[in-house]
Amino acid sequence: MKHKTRLAIAVALVTASAAATAQMGDMKGMDMPMKDMPMKQLPAADQVHKATGTVNKIDHAKGVVTFAHGPVASMGWPAMTMGFRVKDAKLLDGLAVGRQVEFDFVKEGSAYVVTAVR
């Protein structure tokens, strides 16, 4: 009896899957109006983003500074704490833990890189 029940369930699943696939195949020619679809504009790869934050940690060996920064409107980010690589190690020289700064950063590959500190 268990075997027949399992077989019936398997047949039902295969039938449902085939029906869903056939229905999706009919959707290939549909024209989707993109202007009506809400989409968030992603920042350009070379866009410079500006933020204000407090220095939490400096790692000279790795060339990384950790900021507790405010919201970054150009990225759609809320306030958070995160580490950033620095483009030039000299940018770390004027920093101290607890100091509030304004900084610029860009996205390079999967990393965010500080290019200026004020």
PDB file of N, CA and C in Angstrom:
ATOM      1  N   MET A   1       0.809  -1.184   0.000  1.00  0.00           N
ATOM      2  CA  MET A   1       0.000   0.000   0.000  1.00  0.00           C
ATOM      3  C   MET A   1       0.860   1.259   0.000  1.00  0.00           C
ATOM      4  N   LYS A   2       1.926   1.264   0.820  1.00  0.00           N
ATOM      5  CA  LYS A   2       2.821   2.416   0.857  1.00  0.00           C
ATOM      6  C   LYS A   2       3.428   2.682  -0.512  1.00  0.00           C
ATOM      7  N   HIS A   3       3.770   1.626  -1.222  1.00  0.00           N
ATOM      8  CA  HIS A   3       4.383   1.755  -2.541  1.00  0.00           C
ATOM      9  C   HIS A   3       3.435   2.454  -3.510  1.00  0.00           C
ATOM     10  N   LYS A   4       2.157   2.100  -3.482  1.00  0.00           N
ATOM     11  CA  LYS A   4       1.171   2.704  -4.378  1.00  0.00           C
ATOM     12  C   LYS A   4       0.975   4.183  -4.042  1.00  0.00           C
ATOM     13  N   THR A   5       0.989   4.532  -2.763  1.00  0.00           N
ATOM     14  CA  THR A   5       0.831   5.922  -2.344  1.00  0.00           C
ATOM     15  C   THR A   5       2.019   6.753  -2.805  1.00  0.00           C
ATOM     16  N   ARG A   6       3.204   6.233  -2.624  1.00  0.00           N
ATOM     17  CA  ARG A   6       4.408   6.938  -3.074  1.00  0.00           C
ATOM     18  C   ARG A   6       4.409   7.107  -4.580  1.00  0.00           C
ATOM     19  N   LEU A   7       3.995   6.077  -5.297  1.00  0.00           N
ATOM     20  CA  LEU A   7       3.933   6.145  -6.756  1.00  0.00           C
ATOM     21  C   LEU A   7       2.925   7.197  -7.192  1.00  0.00           C
ATOM     22  N   ALA A   8       1.776   7.257  -6.535  1.00  0.00           N
ATOM     23  CA  ALA A   8       0.748   8.245  -6.870  1.00  0.00           C
ATOM     24  C   ALA A   8       1.255   9.661  -6.628  1.00  0.00           C
ATOM     25  N   ILE A   9       1.979   9.852  -5.531  1.00  0.00           N
ATOM     26  CA  ILE A   9       2.541  11.173  -5.227  1.00  0.00           C
ATOM     27  C   ILE A   9       3.582  11.551  -6.277  1.00  0.00           C
ATOM     28  N   ALA A  10       4.440  10.625  -6.642  1.00  0.00           N
ATOM     29  CA  ALA A  10       5.472  10.893  -7.648  1.00  0.00           C
ATOM     30  C   ALA A  10       4.835  11.261  -8.983  1.00  0.00           C
ATOM     31  N   VAL A  11       3.814  10.538  -9.390  1.00  0.00           N
ATOM     32  CA  VAL A  11       3.134  10.831 -10.659  1.00  0.00           C
ATOM     33  C   VAL A  11       2.498  12.220 -10.598  1.00  0.00           C
ATOM     34  N   ALA A  12       1.889  12.568  -9.486  1.00  0.00           N
ATOM     35  CA  ALA A  12       1.261  13.881  -9.336  1.00  0.00           C
ATOM     36  C   ALA A  12       2.301  14.996  -9.429  1.00  0.00           C
ATOM     37  N   LEU A  13       3.452  14.797  -8.797  1.00  0.00           N
ATOM     38  CA  LEU A  13       4.509  15.807  -8.842  1.00  0.00           C
ATOM     39  C   LEU A  13       5.062  15.975 -10.256  1.00  0.00           C
ATOM     40  N   VAL A  14       5.287  14.898 -10.953  1.00  0.00           N
ATOM     41  CA  VAL A  14       5.799  14.966 -12.333  1.00  0.00           C
ATOM     42  C   VAL A  14       4.786  15.665 -13.220  1.00  0.00           C
ATOM     43  N   THR A  15       3.514  15.342 -13.062  1.00  0.00           N
ATOM     44  CA  THR A  15       2.463  15.956 -13.876  1.00  0.00           C
ATOM     45  C   THR A  15       2.385  17.464 -13.606  1.00  0.00           C
ATOM     46  N   ALA A  16       2.439  17.860 -12.349  1.00  0.00           N
ATOM     47  CA  ALA A  16       2.379  19.280 -11.997  1.00  0.00           C
ATOM     48  C   ALA A  16       3.593  20.019 -12.534  1.00  0.00           C
ATOM     49  N   SER A  17       4.760  19.410 -12.437  1.00  0.00           N
ATOM     50  CA  SER A  17       5.989  20.025 -12.949  1.00  0.00           C
ATOM     51  C   SER A  17       5.920  20.211 -14.448  1.00  0.00           C
ATOM     52  N   ALA A  18       5.431  19.209 -15.158  1.00  0.00           N
ATOM     53  CA  ALA A  18       5.317  19.307 -16.616  1.00  0.00           C
ATOM     54  C   ALA A  18       4.336  20.397 -17.012  1.00  0.00           C
ATOM     55  N   ALA A  19       3.234  20.514 -16.294  1.00  0.00           N
ATOM     56  CA  ALA A  19       2.240  21.545 -16.594  1.00  0.00           C
ATOM     57  C   ALA A  19       2.824  22.941 -16.364  1.00  0.00           C
ATOM     58  N   ALA A  20       3.579  23.117 -15.283  1.00  0.00           N
ATOM     59  CA  ALA A  20       4.194  24.418 -14.985  1.00  0.00           C
ATOM     60  C   ALA A  20       5.225  24.773 -16.041  1.00  0.00           C
ATOM     61  N   THR A  21       6.021  23.808 -16.478  1.00  0.00           N
ATOM     62  CA  THR A  21       7.025  24.054 -17.509  1.00  0.00           C
ATOM     63  C   THR A  21       6.357  24.440 -18.817  1.00  0.00           C
ATOM     64  N   ALA A  22       5.286  23.762 -19.192  1.00  0.00           N
ATOM     65  CA  ALA A  22       4.574  24.075 -20.431  1.00  0.00           C
ATOM     66  C   ALA A  22       3.988  25.475 -20.368  1.00  0.00           C
ATOM     67  N   GLN A  23       3.468  25.848 -19.207  1.00  0.00           N
ATOM     68  CA  GLN A  23       2.882  27.167 -19.059  1.00  0.00           C
ATOM     69  C   GLN A  23       3.951  28.247 -19.165  1.00  0.00           C
ATOM     70  N   MET A  24       5.122  28.014 -18.618  1.00  0.00           N
ATOM     71  CA  MET A  24       6.215  28.979 -18.708  1.00  0.00           C
ATOM     72  C   MET A  24       6.692  29.119 -20.132  1.00  0.00           C
ATOM     73  N   GLY A  25       6.664  28.040 -20.887  1.00  0.00           N
ATOM     74  CA  GLY A  25       7.083  28.091 -22.284  1.00  0.00           C
ATOM     75  C   GLY A  25       6.209  29.034 -23.083  1.00  0.00           C
ATOM     76  N   ASP A  26       4.931  29.144 -22.723  1.00  0.00           N
ATOM     77  CA  ASP A  26       4.013  30.047 -23.412  1.00  0.00           C
ATOM     78  C   ASP A  26       4.307  31.504 -23.108  1.00  0.00           C
ATOM     79  N   MET A  27       5.111  31.790 -22.097  1.00  0.00           N
ATOM     80  CA  MET A  27       5.390  33.165 -21.693  1.00  0.00           C
ATOM     81  C   MET A  27       6.562  33.780 -22.447  1.00  0.00           C
ATOM     82  N   LYS A  28       7.236  33.016 -23.285  1.00  0.00           N
ATOM     83  CA  LYS A  28       8.442  33.509 -23.950  1.00  0.00           C
ATOM     84  C   LYS A  28       8.191  34.755 -24.784  1.00  0.00           C
ATOM     85  N   GLY A  29       7.049  34.837 -25.437  1.00  0.00           N
ATOM     86  CA  GLY A  29       6.784  35.972 -26.312  1.00  0.00           C
ATOM     87  C   GLY A  29       6.154  37.156 -25.621  1.00  0.00           C
ATOM     88  N   MET A  30       5.986  37.094 -24.303  1.00  0.00           N
ATOM     89  CA  MET A  30       5.329  38.197 -23.600  1.00  0.00           C
ATOM     90  C   MET A  30       6.212  39.422 -23.572  1.00  0.00           C
ATOM     91  N   ASP A  31       5.613  40.569 -23.797  1.00  0.00           N
ATOM     92  CA  ASP A  31       6.321  41.841 -23.739  1.00  0.00           C
ATOM     93  C   ASP A  31       6.115  42.427 -22.352  1.00  0.00           C
ATOM     94  N   MET A  32       7.186  42.539 -21.577  1.00  0.00           N
ATOM     95  CA  MET A  32       7.087  43.068 -20.224  1.00  0.00           C
ATOM     96  C   MET A  32       7.429  44.551 -20.246  1.00  0.00           C
ATOM     97  N   PRO A  33       6.493  45.438 -19.901  1.00  0.00           N
ATOM     98  CA  PRO A  33       6.781  46.880 -19.912  1.00  0.00           C
ATOM     99  C   PRO A  33       7.712  47.257 -18.761  1.00  0.00           C
ATOM    100  N   MET A  34       8.978  47.481 -19.043  1.00  0.00           N
ATOM    101  CA  MET A  34       9.976  47.768 -18.019  1.00  0.00           C
ATOM    102  C   MET A  34       9.744  49.124 -17.354  1.00  0.00           C
ATOM    103  N   LYS A  35       9.114  50.060 -18.064  1.00  0.00           N
ATOM    104  CA  LYS A  35       8.916  51.388 -17.484  1.00  0.00           C
ATOM    105  C   LYS A  35       7.997  51.357 -16.275  1.00  0.00           C
ATOM    106  N   ASP A  36       7.164  50.348 -16.173  1.00  0.00           N
ATOM    107  CA  ASP A  36       6.234  50.241 -15.061  1.00  0.00           C
ATOM    108  C   ASP A  36       6.801  49.458 -13.879  1.00  0.00           C
ATOM    109  N   MET A  37       7.976  48.872 -14.053  1.00  0.00           N
ATOM    110  CA  MET A  37       8.554  48.047 -12.992  1.00  0.00           C
ATOM    111  C   MET A  37       9.477  48.905 -12.124  1.00  0.00           C
ATOM    112  N   PRO A  38       9.223  48.946 -10.808  1.00  0.00           N
ATOM    113  CA  PRO A  38      10.110  49.730  -9.939  1.00  0.00           C
ATOM    114  C   PRO A  38      11.461  49.037  -9.811  1.00  0.00           C
ATOM    115  N   MET A  39      12.519  49.752 -10.139  1.00  0.00           N
ATOM    116  CA  MET A  39      13.868  49.200 -10.034  1.00  0.00           C
ATOM    117  C   MET A  39      14.762  50.258  -9.398  1.00  0.00           C
ATOM    118  N   LYS A  40      15.596  49.823  -8.490  1.00  0.00           N
ATOM    119  CA  LYS A  40      16.536  50.740  -7.860  1.00  0.00           C
ATOM    120  C   LYS A  40      17.710  50.975  -8.801  1.00  0.00           C
ATOM    121  N   GLN A  41      18.073  52.214  -8.982  1.00  0.00           N
ATOM    122  CA  GLN A  41      19.205  52.567  -9.818  1.00  0.00           C
ATOM    123  C   GLN A  41      20.495  52.216  -9.083  1.00  0.00           C
ATOM    124  N   LEU A  42      21.299  51.338  -9.658  1.00  0.00           N
ATOM    125  CA  LEU A  42      22.566  50.972  -9.042  1.00  0.00           C
ATOM    126  C   LEU A  42      23.604  52.038  -9.340  1.00  0.00           C
ATOM    127  N   PRO A  43      24.493  52.332  -8.398  1.00  0.00           N
ATOM    128  CA  PRO A  43      25.519  53.341  -8.643  1.00  0.00           C
ATOM    129  C   PRO A  43      26.503  52.856  -9.708  1.00  0.00           C
ATOM    130  N   ALA A  44      27.040  53.798 -10.456  1.00  0.00           N
ATOM    131  CA  ALA A  44      28.046  53.472 -11.461  1.00  0.00           C
ATOM    132  C   ALA A  44      29.287  52.921 -10.775  1.00  0.00           C
ATOM    133  N   ALA A  45      29.999  52.055 -11.478  1.00  0.00           N
ATOM    134  CA  ALA A  45      31.172  51.394 -10.890  1.00  0.00           C
ATOM    135  C   ALA A  45      32.233  52.397 -10.443  1.00  0.00           C
ATOM    136  N   ASP A  46      32.377  53.504 -11.146  1.00  0.00           N
ATOM    137  CA  ASP A  46      33.427  54.471 -10.811  1.00  0.00           C
ATOM    138  C   ASP A  46      32.889  55.666 -10.010  1.00  0.00           C
ATOM    139  N   GLN A  47      31.680  55.581  -9.514  1.00  0.00           N
ATOM    140  CA  GLN A  47      31.077  56.679  -8.767  1.00  0.00           C
ATOM    141  C   GLN A  47      31.762  56.862  -7.424  1.00  0.00           C
ATOM    142  N   VAL A  48      32.016  58.119  -7.072  1.00  0.00           N
ATOM    143  CA  VAL A  48      32.609  58.439  -5.775  1.00  0.00           C
ATOM    144  C   VAL A  48      31.475  58.680  -4.791  1.00  0.00           C
ATOM    145  N   HIS A  49      31.523  57.997  -3.661  1.00  0.00           N
ATOM    146  CA  HIS A  49      30.518  58.124  -2.611  1.00  0.00           C
ATOM    147  C   HIS A  49      31.126  58.894  -1.447  1.00  0.00           C
ATOM    148  N   LYS A  50      30.302  59.676  -0.772  1.00  0.00           N
ATOM    149  CA  LYS A  50      30.774  60.488   0.346  1.00  0.00           C
ATOM    150  C   LYS A  50      30.069  60.061   1.625  1.00  0.00           C
ATOM    151  N   ALA A  51      30.813  60.049   2.725  1.00  0.00           N
ATOM    152  CA  ALA A  51      30.243  59.648   4.010  1.00  0.00           C
ATOM    153  C   ALA A  51      30.933  60.401   5.141  1.00  0.00           C
ATOM    154  N   THR A  52      30.280  60.418   6.273  1.00  0.00           N
ATOM    155  CA  THR A  52      30.844  60.970   7.496  1.00  0.00           C
ATOM    156  C   THR A  52      30.852  59.845   8.516  1.00  0.00           C
ATOM    157  N   GLY A  53      31.975  59.709   9.209  1.00  0.00           N
ATOM    158  CA  GLY A  53      32.053  58.625  10.175  1.00  0.00           C
ATOM    159  C   GLY A  53      33.096  58.862  11.242  1.00  0.00           C
ATOM    160  N   THR A  54      33.068  57.985  12.230  1.00  0.00           N
ATOM    161  CA  THR A  54      34.040  58.020  13.320  1.00  0.00           C
ATOM    162  C   THR A  54      34.976  56.832  13.154  1.00  0.00           C
ATOM    163  N   VAL A  55      36.274  57.085  13.275  1.00  0.00           N
ATOM    164  CA  VAL A  55      37.271  56.023  13.138  1.00  0.00           C
ATOM    165  C   VAL A  55      37.173  55.092  14.346  1.00  0.00           C
ATOM    166  N   ASN A  56      36.951  53.807  14.080  1.00  0.00           N
ATOM    167  CA  ASN A  56      36.868  52.811  15.157  1.00  0.00           C
ATOM    168  C   ASN A  56      38.144  52.002  15.295  1.00  0.00           C
ATOM    169  N   LYS A  57      38.822  51.762  14.172  1.00  0.00           N
ATOM    170  CA  LYS A  57      40.008  50.903  14.186  1.00  0.00           C
ATOM    171  C   LYS A  57      40.860  51.230  12.971  1.00  0.00           C
ATOM    172  N   ILE A  58      42.160  51.138  13.133  1.00  0.00           N
ATOM    173  CA  ILE A  58      43.103  51.350  12.030  1.00  0.00           C
ATOM    174  C   ILE A  58      44.039  50.160  11.989  1.00  0.00           C
ATOM    175  N   ASP A  59      44.129  49.520  10.847  1.00  0.00           N
ATOM    176  CA  ASP A  59      45.036  48.382  10.662  1.00  0.00           C
ATOM    177  C   ASP A  59      46.055  48.778   9.594  1.00  0.00           C
ATOM    178  N   HIS A  60      47.192  49.306  10.042  1.00  0.00           N
ATOM    179  CA  HIS A  60      48.233  49.769   9.119  1.00  0.00           C
ATOM    180  C   HIS A  60      48.776  48.629   8.268  1.00  0.00           C
ATOM    181  N   ALA A  61      48.925  47.458   8.852  1.00  0.00           N
ATOM    182  CA  ALA A  61      49.496  46.315   8.122  1.00  0.00           C
ATOM    183  C   ALA A  61      48.619  45.907   6.939  1.00  0.00           C
ATOM    184  N   LYS A  62      47.316  45.946   7.119  1.00  0.00           N
ATOM    185  CA  LYS A  62      46.399  45.550   6.049  1.00  0.00           C
ATOM    186  C   LYS A  62      45.920  46.719   5.202  1.00  0.00           C
ATOM    187  N   GLY A  63      46.200  47.960   5.645  1.00  0.00           N
ATOM    188  CA  GLY A  63      45.734  49.131   4.917  1.00  0.00           C
ATOM    189  C   GLY A  63      44.225  49.269   4.976  1.00  0.00           C
ATOM    190  N   VAL A  64      43.669  49.033   6.183  1.00  0.00           N
ATOM    191  CA  VAL A  64      42.213  49.060   6.366  1.00  0.00           C
ATOM    192  C   VAL A  64      41.863  49.980   7.539  1.00  0.00           C
ATOM    193  N   VAL A  65      40.811  50.771   7.350  1.00  0.00           N
ATOM    194  CA  VAL A  65      40.275  51.596   8.422  1.00  0.00           C
ATOM    195  C   VAL A  65      38.809  51.222   8.597  1.00  0.00           C
ATOM    196  N   THR A  66      38.390  51.118   9.863  1.00  0.00           N
ATOM    197  CA  THR A  66      36.996  50.794  10.172  1.00  0.00           C
ATOM    198  C   THR A  66      36.312  52.057  10.668  1.00  0.00           C
ATOM    199  N   PHE A  67      35.195  52.391  10.010  1.00  0.00           N
ATOM    200  CA  PHE A  67      34.405  53.564  10.366  1.00  0.00           C
ATOM    201  C   PHE A  67      33.038  53.142  10.886  1.00  0.00           C
ATOM    202  N   ALA A  68      32.525  53.870  11.863  1.00  0.00           N
ATOM    203  CA  ALA A  68      31.103  53.839  12.205  1.00  0.00           C
ATOM    204  C   ALA A  68      30.551  55.033  11.445  1.00  0.00           C
ATOM    205  N   HIS A  69      29.953  54.781  10.287  1.00  0.00           N
ATOM    206  CA  HIS A  69      29.544  55.894   9.425  1.00  0.00           C
ATOM    207  C   HIS A  69      28.036  56.064   9.393  1.00  0.00           C
ATOM    208  N   GLY A  70      27.638  57.268   9.017  1.00  0.00           N
ATOM    209  CA  GLY A  70      26.221  57.576   8.863  1.00  0.00           C
ATOM    210  C   GLY A  70      25.694  56.993   7.566  1.00  0.00           C
ATOM    211  N   PRO A  71      24.428  57.266   7.249  1.00  0.00           N
ATOM    212  CA  PRO A  71      23.838  56.770   6.008  1.00  0.00           C
ATOM    213  C   PRO A  71      24.599  57.287   4.784  1.00  0.00           C
ATOM    214  N   VAL A  72      24.651  56.457   3.756  1.00  0.00           N
ATOM    215  CA  VAL A  72      25.289  56.848   2.491  1.00  0.00           C
ATOM    216  C   VAL A  72      24.180  56.820   1.437  1.00  0.00           C
ATOM    217  N   ALA A  73      23.633  57.991   1.130  1.00  0.00           N
ATOM    218  CA  ALA A  73      22.484  58.100   0.233  1.00  0.00           C
ATOM    219  C   ALA A  73      22.774  57.531  -1.154  1.00  0.00           C
ATOM    220  N   SER A  74      23.971  57.775  -1.671  1.00  0.00           N
ATOM    221  CA  SER A  74      24.290  57.318  -3.028  1.00  0.00           C
ATOM    222  C   SER A  74      24.342  55.797  -3.148  1.00  0.00           C
ATOM    223  N   MET A  75      24.496  55.107  -2.015  1.00  0.00           N
ATOM    224  CA  MET A  75      24.521  53.643  -2.012  1.00  0.00           C
ATOM    225  C   MET A  75      23.221  53.057  -1.460  1.00  0.00           C
ATOM    226  N   GLY A  76      22.368  53.906  -0.883  1.00  0.00           N
ATOM    227  CA  GLY A  76      21.160  53.403  -0.242  1.00  0.00           C
ATOM    228  C   GLY A  76      21.458  52.656   1.043  1.00  0.00           C
ATOM    229  N   TRP A  77      22.595  52.989   1.679  1.00  0.00           N
ATOM    230  CA  TRP A  77      23.026  52.310   2.899  1.00  0.00           C
ATOM    231  C   TRP A  77      22.505  53.036   4.136  1.00  0.00           C
ATOM    232  N   PRO A  78      22.140  52.290   5.159  1.00  0.00           N
ATOM    233  CA  PRO A  78      21.859  52.911   6.460  1.00  0.00           C
ATOM    234  C   PRO A  78      23.188  53.141   7.183  1.00  0.00           C
ATOM    235  N   ALA A  79      23.115  53.765   8.338  1.00  0.00           N
ATOM    236  CA  ALA A  79      24.316  53.914   9.165  1.00  0.00           C
ATOM    237  C   ALA A  79      24.787  52.526   9.582  1.00  0.00           C
ATOM    238  N   MET A  80      26.107  52.322   9.605  1.00  0.00           N
ATOM    239  CA  MET A  80      26.667  51.032  10.009  1.00  0.00           C
ATOM    240  C   MET A  80      28.146  51.187  10.315  1.00  0.00           C
ATOM    241  N   THR A  81      28.745  50.122  10.799  1.00  0.00           N
ATOM    242  CA  THR A  81      30.188  50.087  11.042  1.00  0.00           C
ATOM    243  C   THR A  81      30.780  49.068  10.090  1.00  0.00           C
ATOM    244  N   MET A  82      31.807  49.498   9.352  1.00  0.00           N
ATOM    245  CA  MET A  82      32.441  48.581   8.407  1.00  0.00           C
ATOM    246  C   MET A  82      33.863  49.017   8.107  1.00  0.00           C
ATOM    247  N   GLY A  83      34.654  48.072   7.626  1.00  0.00           N
ATOM    248  CA  GLY A  83      36.037  48.335   7.264  1.00  0.00           C
ATOM    249  C   GLY A  83      36.155  48.685   5.791  1.00  0.00           C
ATOM    250  N   PHE A  84      37.069  49.579   5.488  1.00  0.00           N
ATOM    251  CA  PHE A  84      37.367  49.998   4.126  1.00  0.00           C
ATOM    252  C   PHE A  84      38.866  49.876   3.877  1.00  0.00           C
ATOM    253  N   ARG A  85      39.240  49.385   2.726  1.00  0.00           N
ATOM    254  CA  ARG A  85      40.644  49.465   2.317  1.00  0.00           C
ATOM    255  C   ARG A  85      40.925  50.928   1.993  1.00  0.00           C
ATOM    256  N   VAL A  86      42.200  51.298   2.032  1.00  0.00           N
ATOM    257  CA  VAL A  86      42.573  52.654   1.623  1.00  0.00           C
ATOM    258  C   VAL A  86      43.361  52.577   0.325  1.00  0.00           C
ATOM    259  N   LYS A  87      43.122  53.549  -0.549  1.00  0.00           N
ATOM    260  CA  LYS A  87      43.800  53.588  -1.850  1.00  0.00           C
ATOM    261  C   LYS A  87      45.300  53.805  -1.653  1.00  0.00           C
ATOM    262  N   ASP A  88      45.632  54.658  -0.684  1.00  0.00           N
ATOM    263  CA  ASP A  88      47.033  54.989  -0.406  1.00  0.00           C
ATOM    264  C   ASP A  88      47.240  54.909   1.113  1.00  0.00           C
ATOM    265  N   ALA A  89      48.241  54.164   1.540  1.00  0.00           N
ATOM    266  CA  ALA A  89      48.506  53.977   2.973  1.00  0.00           C
ATOM    267  C   ALA A  89      48.721  55.304   3.694  1.00  0.00           C
ATOM    268  N   LYS A  90      49.122  56.348   2.980  1.00  0.00           N
ATOM    269  CA  LYS A  90      49.333  57.662   3.594  1.00  0.00           C
ATOM    270  C   LYS A  90      48.034  58.231   4.168  1.00  0.00           C
ATOM    271  N   LEU A  91      46.896  57.761   3.664  1.00  0.00           N
ATOM    272  CA  LEU A  91      45.611  58.239   4.173  1.00  0.00           C
ATOM    273  C   LEU A  91      45.418  57.852   5.640  1.00  0.00           C
ATOM    274  N   LEU A  92      46.078  56.797   6.083  1.00  0.00           N
ATOM    275  CA  LEU A  92      45.948  56.350   7.473  1.00  0.00           C
ATOM    276  C   LEU A  92      46.744  57.213   8.445  1.00  0.00           C
ATOM    277  N   ASP A  93      47.769  57.913   7.937  1.00  0.00           N
ATOM    278  CA  ASP A  93      48.673  58.672   8.806  1.00  0.00           C
ATOM    279  C   ASP A  93      47.978  59.738   9.646  1.00  0.00           C
ATOM    280  N   GLY A  94      46.994  60.407   9.094  1.00  0.00           N
ATOM    281  CA  GLY A  94      46.337  61.483   9.832  1.00  0.00           C
ATOM    282  C   GLY A  94      45.141  61.031  10.644  1.00  0.00           C
ATOM    283  N   LEU A  95      44.891  59.740  10.707  1.00  0.00           N
ATOM    284  CA  LEU A  95      43.714  59.241  11.408  1.00  0.00           C
ATOM    285  C   LEU A  95      44.038  58.813  12.832  1.00  0.00           C
ATOM    286  N   ALA A  96      43.039  58.904  13.688  1.00  0.00           N
ATOM    287  CA  ALA A  96      43.159  58.436  15.074  1.00  0.00           C
ATOM    288  C   ALA A  96      41.804  57.869  15.485  1.00  0.00           C
ATOM    289  N   VAL A  97      41.840  56.820  16.281  1.00  0.00           N
ATOM    290  CA  VAL A  97      40.601  56.224  16.774  1.00  0.00           C
ATOM    291  C   VAL A  97      39.805  57.287  17.526  1.00  0.00           C
ATOM    292  N   GLY A  98      38.518  57.365  17.231  1.00  0.00           N
ATOM    293  CA  GLY A  98      37.640  58.342  17.872  1.00  0.00           C
ATOM    294  C   GLY A  98      37.467  59.621  17.075  1.00  0.00           C
ATOM    295  N   ARG A  99      38.307  59.827  16.077  1.00  0.00           N
ATOM    296  CA  ARG A  99      38.224  61.052  15.260  1.00  0.00           C
ATOM    297  C   ARG A  99      37.068  60.948  14.268  1.00  0.00           C
ATOM    298  N   GLN A 100      36.278  62.030  14.153  1.00  0.00           N
ATOM    299  CA  GLN A 100      35.201  62.072  13.169  1.00  0.00           C
ATOM    300  C   GLN A 100      35.734  62.723  11.905  1.00  0.00           C
ATOM    301  N   VAL A 101      35.465  62.074  10.766  1.00  0.00           N
ATOM    302  CA  VAL A 101      35.981  62.558   9.488  1.00  0.00           C
ATOM    303  C   VAL A 101      34.902  62.454   8.414  1.00  0.00           C
ATOM    304  N   GLU A 102      35.143  63.157   7.326  1.00  0.00           N
ATOM    305  CA  GLU A 102      34.389  62.973   6.096  1.00  0.00           C
ATOM    306  C   GLU A 102      35.323  62.210   5.176  1.00  0.00           C
ATOM    307  N   PHE A 103      34.776  61.244   4.424  1.00  0.00           N
ATOM    308  CA  PHE A 103      35.638  60.479   3.525  1.00  0.00           C
ATOM    309  C   PHE A 103      34.905  60.154   2.238  1.00  0.00           C
ATOM    310  N   ASP A 104      35.706  59.936   1.197  1.00  0.00           N
ATOM    311  CA  ASP A 104      35.203  59.527  -0.113  1.00  0.00           C
ATOM    312  C   ASP A 104      35.640  58.090  -0.338  1.00  0.00           C
ATOM    313  N   PHE A 105      34.787  57.327  -1.024  1.00  0.00           N
ATOM    314  CA  PHE A 105      35.165  55.962  -1.354  1.00  0.00           C
ATOM    315  C   PHE A 105      34.543  55.541  -2.670  1.00  0.00           C
ATOM    316  N   VAL A 106      35.143  54.525  -3.274  1.00  0.00           N
ATOM    317  CA  VAL A 106      34.667  53.937  -4.526  1.00  0.00           C
ATOM    318  C   VAL A 106      34.605  52.424  -4.345  1.00  0.00           C
ATOM    319  N   LYS A 107      33.882  51.794  -5.250  1.00  0.00           N
ATOM    320  CA  LYS A 107      33.849  50.330  -5.233  1.00  0.00           C
ATOM    321  C   LYS A 107      34.872  49.839  -6.250  1.00  0.00           C
ATOM    322  N   GLU A 108      35.764  48.964  -5.808  1.00  0.00           N
ATOM    323  CA  GLU A 108      36.762  48.347  -6.686  1.00  0.00           C
ATOM    324  C   GLU A 108      36.608  46.840  -6.547  1.00  0.00           C
ATOM    325  N   GLY A 109      36.030  46.222  -7.557  1.00  0.00           N
ATOM    326  CA  GLY A 109      35.751  44.791  -7.462  1.00  0.00           C
ATOM    327  C   GLY A 109      34.704  44.569  -6.398  1.00  0.00           C
ATOM    328  N   SER A 110      35.011  43.751  -5.413  1.00  0.00           N
ATOM    329  CA  SER A 110      34.056  43.504  -4.331  1.00  0.00           C
ATOM    330  C   SER A 110      34.393  44.320  -3.081  1.00  0.00           C
ATOM    331  N   ALA A 111      35.412  45.181  -3.169  1.00  0.00           N
ATOM    332  CA  ALA A 111      35.846  45.960  -2.010  1.00  0.00           C
ATOM    333  C   ALA A 111      35.451  47.423  -2.147  1.00  0.00           C
ATOM    334  N   TYR A 112      35.332  48.082  -1.012  1.00  0.00           N
ATOM    335  CA  TYR A 112      35.107  49.523  -0.968  1.00  0.00           C
ATOM    336  C   TYR A 112      36.410  50.166  -0.504  1.00  0.00           C
ATOM    337  N   VAL A 113      36.867  51.150  -1.275  1.00  0.00           N
ATOM    338  CA  VAL A 113      38.197  51.721  -1.078  1.00  0.00           C
ATOM    339  C   VAL A 113      38.101  53.223  -0.819  1.00  0.00           C
ATOM    340  N   VAL A 114      38.683  53.675   0.300  1.00  0.00           N
ATOM    341  CA  VAL A 114      38.706  55.079   0.640  1.00  0.00           C
ATOM    342  C   VAL A 114      39.732  55.780  -0.242  1.00  0.00           C
ATOM    343  N   THR A 115      39.299  56.873  -0.882  1.00  0.00           N
ATOM    344  CA  THR A 115      40.192  57.623  -1.776  1.00  0.00           C
ATOM    345  C   THR A 115      40.581  58.978  -1.226  1.00  0.00           C
ATOM    346  N   ALA A 116      39.825  59.476  -0.232  1.00  0.00           N
ATOM    347  CA  ALA A 116      40.136  60.780   0.376  1.00  0.00           C
ATOM    348  C   ALA A 116      39.546  60.825   1.767  1.00  0.00           C
ATOM    349  N   VAL A 117      40.239  61.554   2.667  1.00  0.00           N
ATOM    350  CA  VAL A 117      39.766  61.765   4.034  1.00  0.00           C
ATOM    351  C   VAL A 117      39.931  63.242   4.370  1.00  0.00           C
ATOM    352  N   ARG A 118      38.891  63.826   4.971  1.00  0.00           N
ATOM    353  CA  ARG A 118      38.949  65.230   5.378  1.00  0.00           C
ATOM    354  C   ARG A 118      38.545  65.347   6.835  1.00  0.00           C
TER     355      ARG A 118
END
